[in-house]
Amino acid sequence: MSGRCRVTVVLPCLNEATSLPGVLADIPEGYVPLVVDNNSTDGTADVARRCGAQVVAEAQPGYGAAVHAGIVAASTPVVAVLDGDGSMDPRDLPRLVAELDRGADMAVGRRKPIPGVRWPWHARLGNSAVCWRLRSRHGLDVHDIAPMRVAQRDAVLALGVIDRRSGYPLELLVRAAAANWRVVEHDVAYGPRTGGKSKVSGSVRGSFIAALDFWRAIS
């Protein structure tokens, strides 16, 4: 793969109408934005269409359900996954895609908060705990269950990830480790949301539910 290839960028969205225009404007040239509307009530799908994105509706609630629907709908060999909240820069994606060309099976972004960004303690603690277990039990040298990653579409689907909630990205990494995938991690800037509220780190309850899903995926 090269930087000229067409890559589908899957953006799982629940009420991200405010942040989407800025995110979609920064999608690299030649990359196809695909917004998965996961029961939004703020006109997310209409905003996405006006900005030129392909839109897929996924009625089953949950991050994993939205991501899976987007990957299934993608028609390119490579898929990238990115949150639609504006906290991460789509212009970091080509660095991750380039790792596939260098032999990686998957490349993930390790979030590095920019100055002034507050990352809630409960989110950081849970993230650190599951990453430690990934390294110690599964031999996967990652330090973040990040919402930015790229891989070959068909290979991801072949892993057979079944979680359809918050545990999807962790189960993906566990199955990738079991399949002896080479996973490469790159630092990427992590900024404030440009709209809406986080469904996970934005509340203790959201983080608790995610922690339960994570523990199911890794135990």
Protein backbone atom coordinates (compact mmCIF):
# COMPACT_ATOMS: atom_id res chain seq x y z
CA MET A 1 0.00 0.00 0.00
CA SER A 2 1.10 3.56 -0.59
CA GLY A 3 -0.18 6.96 0.42
CA ARG A 4 -2.02 7.10 -2.91
CA CYS A 5 -4.25 4.12 -2.18
CA ARG A 6 -7.87 4.55 -1.28
CA VAL A 7 -8.54 3.85 2.37
CA THR A 8 -11.96 3.83 4.01
CA VAL A 9 -12.07 5.81 7.25
CA VAL A 10 -14.85 4.40 9.43
CA LEU A 11 -16.23 6.96 11.88
CA PRO A 12 -18.65 5.43 14.43
CA CYS A 13 -20.90 8.29 15.53
CA LEU A 14 -23.57 8.91 18.13
CA ASN A 15 -24.62 12.57 18.19
CA GLU A 16 -21.46 14.06 16.66
CA ALA A 17 -23.12 16.65 14.38
CA THR A 18 -21.12 19.50 15.90
CA SER A 19 -17.68 17.95 15.54
CA LEU A 20 -18.09 16.05 12.27
CA PRO A 21 -17.55 18.91 9.78
CA GLY A 22 -14.09 19.65 11.15
CA VAL A 23 -13.13 15.98 11.28
CA LEU A 24 -14.31 15.29 7.74
CA ALA A 25 -12.54 18.37 6.40
CA ASP A 26 -9.22 16.92 7.60
CA ILE A 27 -9.64 13.43 6.11
CA PRO A 28 -6.58 12.90 3.86
CA GLU A 29 -7.06 13.14 0.11
CA GLY A 30 -7.87 9.78 -1.47
CA TYR A 31 -9.34 8.41 1.77
CA VAL A 32 -13.07 7.61 1.79
CA PRO A 33 -14.98 8.81 4.87
CA LEU A 34 -17.74 6.46 6.00
CA VAL A 35 -19.89 7.66 8.90
CA VAL A 36 -21.83 5.02 10.81
CA ASP A 37 -24.82 6.69 12.45
CA ASN A 38 -25.55 4.74 15.63
CA ASN A 39 -29.03 6.11 16.45
CA SER A 40 -28.09 9.79 16.61
CA THR A 41 -30.82 12.33 17.39
CA ASP A 42 -28.94 15.50 16.40
CA GLY A 43 -28.86 15.17 12.62
CA THR A 44 -25.43 13.53 12.48
CA ALA A 45 -26.30 11.60 9.30
CA ASP A 46 -27.51 14.71 7.46
CA VAL A 47 -24.39 16.65 8.45
CA ALA A 48 -22.19 13.79 7.26
CA ARG A 49 -23.92 13.65 3.88
CA ARG A 50 -23.65 17.41 3.41
CA CYS A 51 -19.93 17.11 4.05
CA GLY A 52 -19.59 14.45 1.36
CA ALA A 53 -19.29 11.34 3.54
CA GLN A 54 -20.88 7.99 2.84
CA VAL A 55 -23.40 7.18 5.60
CA VAL A 56 -24.43 3.81 6.99
CA ALA A 57 -27.12 3.42 9.66
CA GLU A 58 -26.59 0.88 12.43
CA ALA A 59 -29.59 0.37 14.71
CA GLN A 60 -27.87 -1.95 17.20
CA PRO A 61 -26.47 0.34 19.87
CA GLY A 62 -22.81 0.10 20.80
CA TYR A 63 -19.37 1.16 19.62
CA GLY A 64 -18.49 -2.31 18.36
CA ALA A 65 -21.73 -2.61 16.42
CA ALA A 66 -21.04 0.69 14.66
CA VAL A 67 -17.42 -0.14 13.85
CA HIS A 68 -18.30 -3.60 12.55
CA ALA A 69 -21.06 -2.20 10.34
CA GLY A 70 -18.63 0.31 8.87
CA ILE A 71 -15.95 -2.26 8.15
CA VAL A 72 -18.49 -4.57 6.50
CA ALA A 73 -19.73 -1.67 4.34
CA ALA A 74 -16.23 -0.56 3.31
CA SER A 75 -15.20 -1.39 -0.25
CA THR A 76 -11.45 -0.68 0.01
CA PRO A 77 -8.66 -3.09 0.97
CA VAL A 78 -7.60 -0.99 3.97
CA VAL A 79 -9.86 0.31 6.71
CA ALA A 80 -9.07 2.93 9.31
CA VAL A 81 -11.19 3.59 12.38
CA LEU A 82 -11.39 7.02 13.95
CA ASP A 83 -13.72 8.67 16.45
CA GLY A 84 -15.85 11.48 15.08
CA ASP A 85 -15.53 13.72 18.14
CA GLY A 86 -12.60 15.81 16.91
CA SER A 87 -10.20 14.69 19.64
CA MET A 88 -7.83 13.02 17.17
CA ASP A 89 -6.38 14.33 13.91
CA PRO A 90 -7.25 12.36 10.75
CA ARG A 91 -4.04 13.71 9.21
CA ASP A 92 -2.15 11.24 11.44
CA LEU A 93 -3.68 8.32 9.53
CA PRO A 94 -1.17 8.16 6.64
CA ARG A 95 1.65 7.41 9.12
CA LEU A 96 -0.30 4.42 10.36
CA VAL A 97 -1.27 3.25 6.87
CA ALA A 98 2.41 3.41 5.87
CA GLU A 99 3.18 0.80 8.55
CA LEU A 100 1.08 -1.74 6.64
CA ASP A 101 3.36 -1.20 3.68
CA ARG A 102 6.30 -1.95 5.96
CA GLY A 103 4.84 -5.29 6.99
CA ALA A 104 2.62 -4.51 9.98
CA ASP A 105 -0.71 -6.29 10.24
CA MET A 106 -2.23 -3.43 12.21
CA ALA A 107 -1.11 0.04 13.28
CA VAL A 108 -2.67 1.85 16.23
CA GLY A 109 -2.41 5.36 17.61
CA ARG A 110 -1.19 5.84 21.17
CA ARG A 111 -2.92 8.95 22.53
CA LYS A 112 -0.63 11.68 23.84
CA PRO A 113 -2.69 14.50 25.38
CA ILE A 114 -1.76 17.97 24.16
CA PRO A 115 -1.03 20.60 26.84
CA GLY A 116 -4.11 21.53 28.79
CA VAL A 117 -6.15 18.45 27.92
CA ARG A 118 -7.68 16.67 30.89
CA TRP A 119 -7.87 12.88 30.61
CA PRO A 120 -10.14 11.65 33.45
CA TRP A 121 -8.37 9.53 36.05
CA HIS A 122 -10.90 6.69 35.81
CA ALA A 123 -10.36 6.43 32.06
CA ARG A 124 -6.55 6.52 32.36
CA LEU A 125 -6.53 3.94 35.15
CA GLY A 126 -8.69 1.47 33.25
CA ASN A 127 -6.72 1.96 30.06
CA SER A 128 -3.39 1.37 31.82
CA ALA A 129 -4.66 -1.76 33.57
CA VAL A 130 -5.90 -3.52 30.46
CA CYS A 131 -2.81 -2.56 28.47
CA TRP A 132 -0.60 -4.03 31.19
CA ARG A 133 -2.55 -7.27 30.88
CA LEU A 134 -2.24 -7.22 27.11
CA ARG A 135 1.51 -6.94 27.43
CA SER A 136 1.97 -9.45 30.25
CA ARG A 137 -0.52 -12.12 29.23
CA HIS A 138 -0.82 -11.75 25.47
CA GLY A 139 2.63 -10.44 24.57
CA LEU A 140 1.27 -7.44 22.68
CA ASP A 141 3.42 -4.35 23.19
CA VAL A 142 0.72 -1.67 23.28
CA HIS A 143 0.04 1.09 25.81
CA ASP A 144 -3.35 2.41 24.75
CA ILE A 145 -6.70 0.96 23.71
CA ALA A 146 -6.90 3.76 21.21
CA PRO A 147 -9.78 4.71 18.90
CA MET A 148 -7.44 5.20 15.93
CA ARG A 149 -6.20 2.13 14.05
CA VAL A 150 -5.69 0.77 10.54
CA ALA A 151 -5.57 -2.74 9.10
CA GLN A 152 -6.55 -4.79 6.07
CA ARG A 153 -10.35 -5.00 5.91
CA ASP A 154 -10.64 -8.70 5.12
CA ALA A 155 -8.09 -9.64 7.77
CA VAL A 156 -10.00 -7.75 10.46
CA LEU A 157 -13.26 -9.45 9.54
CA ALA A 158 -11.51 -12.84 9.54
CA LEU A 159 -10.52 -12.35 13.19
CA GLY A 160 -14.19 -12.80 14.09
CA VAL A 161 -14.52 -10.15 16.79
CA ILE A 162 -17.94 -10.60 18.42
CA ASP A 163 -18.13 -7.78 21.00
CA ARG A 164 -20.54 -5.08 19.88
CA ARG A 165 -20.08 -2.67 22.78
CA SER A 166 -17.08 -0.97 24.38
CA GLY A 167 -15.00 -4.15 24.45
CA TYR A 168 -14.62 -4.30 20.66
CA PRO A 169 -11.18 -2.63 20.38
CA LEU A 170 -9.75 -4.75 23.18
CA GLU A 171 -11.12 -8.02 21.80
CA LEU A 172 -9.67 -7.00 18.44
CA LEU A 173 -6.20 -6.70 20.00
CA VAL A 174 -6.56 -9.97 21.93
CA ARG A 175 -7.52 -11.82 18.76
CA ALA A 176 -4.75 -10.09 16.82
CA ALA A 177 -2.24 -11.32 19.41
CA ALA A 178 -3.62 -14.87 19.18
CA ALA A 179 -3.22 -14.70 15.41
CA ASN A 180 0.41 -13.55 15.81
CA TRP A 181 -0.25 -10.23 14.15
CA ARG A 182 2.50 -7.66 14.09
CA VAL A 183 0.94 -4.60 15.75
CA VAL A 184 2.77 -1.27 15.58
CA GLU A 185 1.99 1.65 17.87
CA HIS A 186 2.57 5.32 17.04
CA ASP A 187 2.12 8.38 19.25
CA VAL A 188 -0.73 10.61 18.04
CA ALA A 189 -1.96 13.91 19.43
CA TYR A 190 -5.02 13.73 21.67
CA GLY A 191 -6.95 16.97 22.02
CA PRO A 192 -10.28 18.12 23.45
CA ARG A 193 -13.56 17.06 21.92
CA THR A 194 -14.91 19.65 19.54
CA GLY A 195 -18.52 18.86 20.42
CA GLY A 196 -20.80 16.56 22.38
CA LYS A 197 -19.94 14.39 25.37
CA SER A 198 -17.86 11.25 25.59
CA LYS A 199 -19.91 8.09 25.94
CA VAL A 200 -17.11 6.38 27.89
CA SER A 201 -14.62 8.67 29.63
CA GLY A 202 -17.20 11.44 30.00
CA SER A 203 -18.70 9.74 33.05
CA VAL A 204 -17.76 7.27 35.76
CA ARG A 205 -20.72 5.11 34.70
CA GLY A 206 -19.53 5.04 31.09
CA SER A 207 -16.02 4.10 32.18
CA PHE A 208 -17.41 1.39 34.49
CA ILE A 209 -19.42 -0.19 31.67
CA ALA A 210 -16.38 -0.04 29.41
CA ALA A 211 -14.26 -1.65 32.14
CA LEU A 212 -16.72 -4.55 32.38
CA ASP A 213 -16.64 -5.02 28.62
CA PHE A 214 -12.85 -4.83 28.65
CA TRP A 215 -12.56 -7.41 31.40
CA ARG A 216 -14.85 -9.80 29.51
CA ALA A 217 -12.73 -9.40 26.41
CA ILE A 218 -9.39 -10.00 28.10
CA SER A 219 -10.16 -12.58 30.81
